[in-house]
C-alpha atoms as a PDB file:
ATOM      1  CA  MET A   1       0.000   0.000   0.000  1.00  0.00           C
ATOM      2  CA  LYS A   2       2.813   2.360   0.901  1.00  0.00           C
ATOM      3  CA  LYS A   3       4.562   1.674  -2.417  1.00  0.00           C
ATOM      4  CA  ALA A   4       1.333   2.291  -4.396  1.00  0.00           C
ATOM      5  CA  LEU A   5       0.783   5.606  -2.609  1.00  0.00           C
ATOM      6  CA  THR A   6       4.346   6.708  -3.384  1.00  0.00           C
ATOM      7  CA  VAL A   7       3.927   5.810  -7.056  1.00  0.00           C
ATOM      8  CA  LEU A   8       0.589   7.648  -7.185  1.00  0.00           C
ATOM      9  CA  LEU A   9       2.064  10.802  -5.614  1.00  0.00           C
ATOM     10  CA  ALA A  10       5.049  10.712  -7.963  1.00  0.00           C
ATOM     11  CA  ALA A  11       2.796  10.258 -11.000  1.00  0.00           C
ATOM     12  CA  THR A  12       0.587  13.134  -9.862  1.00  0.00           C
ATOM     13  CA  ALA A  13       3.597  15.408  -9.430  1.00  0.00           C
ATOM     14  CA  MET A  14       4.967  14.485 -12.869  1.00  0.00           C
ATOM     15  CA  ALA A  15       1.575  14.984 -14.497  1.00  0.00           C
ATOM     16  CA  GLY A  16       1.296  18.394 -12.859  1.00  0.00           C
ATOM     17  CA  MET A  17       4.640  19.399 -14.311  1.00  0.00           C
ATOM     18  CA  GLY A  18       3.639  18.182 -17.739  1.00  0.00           C
ATOM     19  CA  LEU A  19       0.393  20.145 -17.715  1.00  0.00           C
ATOM     20  CA  GLN A  20       2.051  23.499 -17.146  1.00  0.00           C
ATOM     21  CA  GLY A  21       1.846  25.950 -20.016  1.00  0.00           C
ATOM     22  CA  THR A  22       4.690  26.226 -22.430  1.00  0.00           C
ATOM     23  CA  ALA A  23       7.455  28.508 -21.330  1.00  0.00           C
ATOM     24  CA  THR A  24       7.510  31.951 -22.868  1.00  0.00           C
ATOM     25  CA  ALA A  25      10.635  33.966 -23.345  1.00  0.00           C
ATOM     26  CA  ALA A  26      11.306  36.611 -20.766  1.00  0.00           C
ATOM     27  CA  PRO A  27      11.058  40.180 -21.994  1.00  0.00           C
ATOM     28  CA  THR A  28      14.200  41.434 -23.641  1.00  0.00           C
ATOM     29  CA  GLY A  29      16.249  44.300 -22.324  1.00  0.00           C
ATOM     30  CA  TRP A  30      15.410  47.979 -22.406  1.00  0.00           C
ATOM     31  CA  PRO A  31      17.106  50.297 -24.906  1.00  0.00           C
ATOM     32  CA  GLU A  32      20.114  52.221 -23.589  1.00  0.00           C
ATOM     33  CA  GLY A  33      21.975  55.321 -24.687  1.00  0.00           C
ATOM     34  CA  CYS A  34      18.823  57.078 -25.882  1.00  0.00           C
ATOM     35  CA  TRP A  35      18.612  60.769 -26.638  1.00  0.00           C
ATOM     36  CA  THR A  36      16.268  63.188 -28.372  1.00  0.00           C
ATOM     37  CA  TRP A  37      16.692  66.422 -30.308  1.00  0.00           C
ATOM     38  CA  THR A  38      14.575  69.025 -32.103  1.00  0.00           C
ATOM     39  CA  VAL A  39      14.578  69.019 -35.906  1.00  0.00           C
ATOM     40  CA  PRO A  40      13.375  72.537 -36.858  1.00  0.00           C
ATOM     41  CA  GLU A  41      13.250  71.786 -40.607  1.00  0.00           C
ATOM     42  CA  THR A  42      10.558  69.156 -40.008  1.00  0.00           C
ATOM     43  CA  ASN A  43       8.795  70.889 -37.101  1.00  0.00           C
ATOM     44  CA  GLY A  44       9.345  67.796 -35.025  1.00  0.00           C
ATOM     45  CA  ARG A  45      11.427  65.833 -32.611  1.00  0.00           C
ATOM     46  CA  ALA A  46      13.763  62.880 -33.254  1.00  0.00           C
ATOM     47  CA  ALA A  47      14.923  60.093 -30.940  1.00  0.00           C
ATOM     48  CA  ASN A  48      17.569  57.402 -31.246  1.00  0.00           C
ATOM     49  CA  CYS A  49      19.201  54.792 -29.009  1.00  0.00           C
ATOM     50  CA  THR A  50      22.747  53.423 -29.301  1.00  0.00           C
ATOM     51  CA  SER A  51      21.984  50.020 -27.787  1.00  0.00           C
ATOM     52  CA  PRO A  52      18.521  48.564 -28.442  1.00  0.00           C
ATOM     53  CA  ASN A  53      19.008  45.398 -26.318  1.00  0.00           C
ATOM     54  CA  GLY A  54      15.939  43.957 -28.047  1.00  0.00           C
ATOM     55  CA  GLY A  55      13.702  46.840 -26.954  1.00  0.00           C
ATOM     56  CA  SER A  56      12.001  49.647 -28.894  1.00  0.00           C
ATOM     57  CA  TRP A  57      11.639  53.418 -28.716  1.00  0.00           C
ATOM     58  CA  LYS A  58       9.661  56.272 -30.206  1.00  0.00           C
ATOM     59  CA  ALA A  59       9.913  60.054 -30.196  1.00  0.00           C
ATOM     60  CA  SER A  60       7.419  62.412 -28.589  1.00  0.00           C
ATOM     61  CA  ALA A  61       7.102  66.119 -29.454  1.00  0.00           C
ATOM     62  CA  LYS A  62       5.623  68.931 -27.375  1.00  0.00           C
ATOM     63  CA  CYS A  63       3.773  71.203 -29.797  1.00  0.00           C
ATOM     64  CA  GLN A  64       2.570  74.746 -29.103  1.00  0.00           C
ATOM     65  CA  PRO A  65      -0.307  76.125 -31.200  1.00  0.00           C
ATOM     66  CA  TYR A  66       0.355  79.549 -32.744  1.00  0.00           C
ATOM     67  CA  ASP A  67      -2.954  80.872 -31.373  1.00  0.00           C
ATOM     68  CA  GLY A  68      -1.746  80.435 -27.764  1.00  0.00           C
ATOM     69  CA  ALA A  69      -3.926  77.423 -26.937  1.00  0.00           C
ATOM     70  CA  PRO A  70      -2.476  74.871 -24.497  1.00  0.00           C
ATOM     71  CA  ALA A  71       0.446  72.777 -25.723  1.00  0.00           C
ATOM     72  CA  ILE A  72      -0.195  69.254 -26.958  1.00  0.00           C
ATOM     73  CA  THR A  73       1.976  66.141 -27.034  1.00  0.00           C
ATOM     74  CA  TRP A  74       2.340  64.322 -30.329  1.00  0.00           C
ATOM     75  CA  ASP A  75       3.973  60.861 -30.403  1.00  0.00           C
ATOM     76  CA  ALA A  76       5.549  58.982 -33.287  1.00  0.00           C
ATOM     77  CA  THR A  77       3.039  56.616 -34.871  1.00  0.00           C
ATOM     78  CA  SER A  78       5.123  53.441 -34.491  1.00  0.00           C
ATOM     79  CA  TRP A  79       7.832  51.923 -32.326  1.00  0.00           C
ATOM     80  CA  THR A  80      11.287  51.372 -33.828  1.00  0.00           C
ATOM     81  CA  LYS A  81      14.021  48.872 -32.978  1.00  0.00           C
ATOM     82  CA  SER A  82      16.752  50.601 -34.982  1.00  0.00           C
ATOM     83  CA  GLY A  83      17.393  53.993 -36.459  1.00  0.00           C
ATOM     84  CA  ILE A  84      15.721  57.303 -35.798  1.00  0.00           C
ATOM     85  CA  SER A  85      12.140  57.744 -34.654  1.00  0.00           C
ATOM     86  CA  MET A  86      10.383  60.992 -35.618  1.00  0.00           C
ATOM     87  CA  ALA A  87       7.371  62.777 -34.115  1.00  0.00           C
ATOM     88  CA  PHE A  88       6.017  65.701 -36.162  1.00  0.00           C
ATOM     89  CA  CYS A  89       3.909  68.566 -34.830  1.00  0.00           C
ATOM     90  CA  PRO A  90       0.598  69.139 -36.640  1.00  0.00           C
ATOM     91  CA  PRO A  91      -0.080  72.223 -38.793  1.00  0.00           C
ATOM     92  CA  LEU A  92      -0.466  75.580 -37.044  1.00  0.00           C
ATOM     93  CA  THR A  93       1.818  74.466 -34.192  1.00  0.00           C
ATOM     94  CA  TYR A  94       5.552  74.581 -33.549  1.00  0.00           C
ATOM     95  CA  VAL A  95       7.796  72.243 -31.592  1.00  0.00           C
ATOM     96  CA  THR A  96       8.918  73.477 -28.156  1.00  0.00           C
ATOM     97  CA  GLY A  97      10.479  70.315 -26.745  1.00  0.00           C
ATOM     98  CA  GLY A  98       9.854  66.651 -26.300  1.00  0.00           C
ATOM     99  CA  THR A  99      11.135  63.339 -25.083  1.00  0.00           C
ATOM    100  CA  PHE A 100      11.084  59.656 -26.018  1.00  0.00           C
ATOM    101  CA  TRP A 101       9.363  56.489 -24.838  1.00  0.00           C
ATOM    102  CA  THR A 102      11.017  53.091 -24.423  1.00  0.00           C
ATOM    103  CA  ARG A 103       9.742  49.552 -23.941  1.00  0.00           C
ATOM    104  CA  SER A 104      11.368  46.143 -23.496  1.00  0.00           C
ATOM    105  CA  TYR A 105       9.995  44.487 -26.635  1.00  0.00           C
END
């Protein structure tokens, strides 16, 4: 009886391990060495990172309307894993600053 109970407990433990979901990869690293700058010719803001580490980034521009209305934030439309990301201010506004966003995938 003792041997049967041991076998049953071992089988239950092994079955429990086998029923676990498949392992998913851990998130990759965050981008490093990121910076942003204003690009007056495009009325926007650019962002780049020197070491992506598998992550992504995108630029964000702070845009001031010419009529004095409150400033708005305008983000790049997509995330990038390499190269420069650009965020452009809409018509009738001008760029006054900005930043960038990062994520680990």
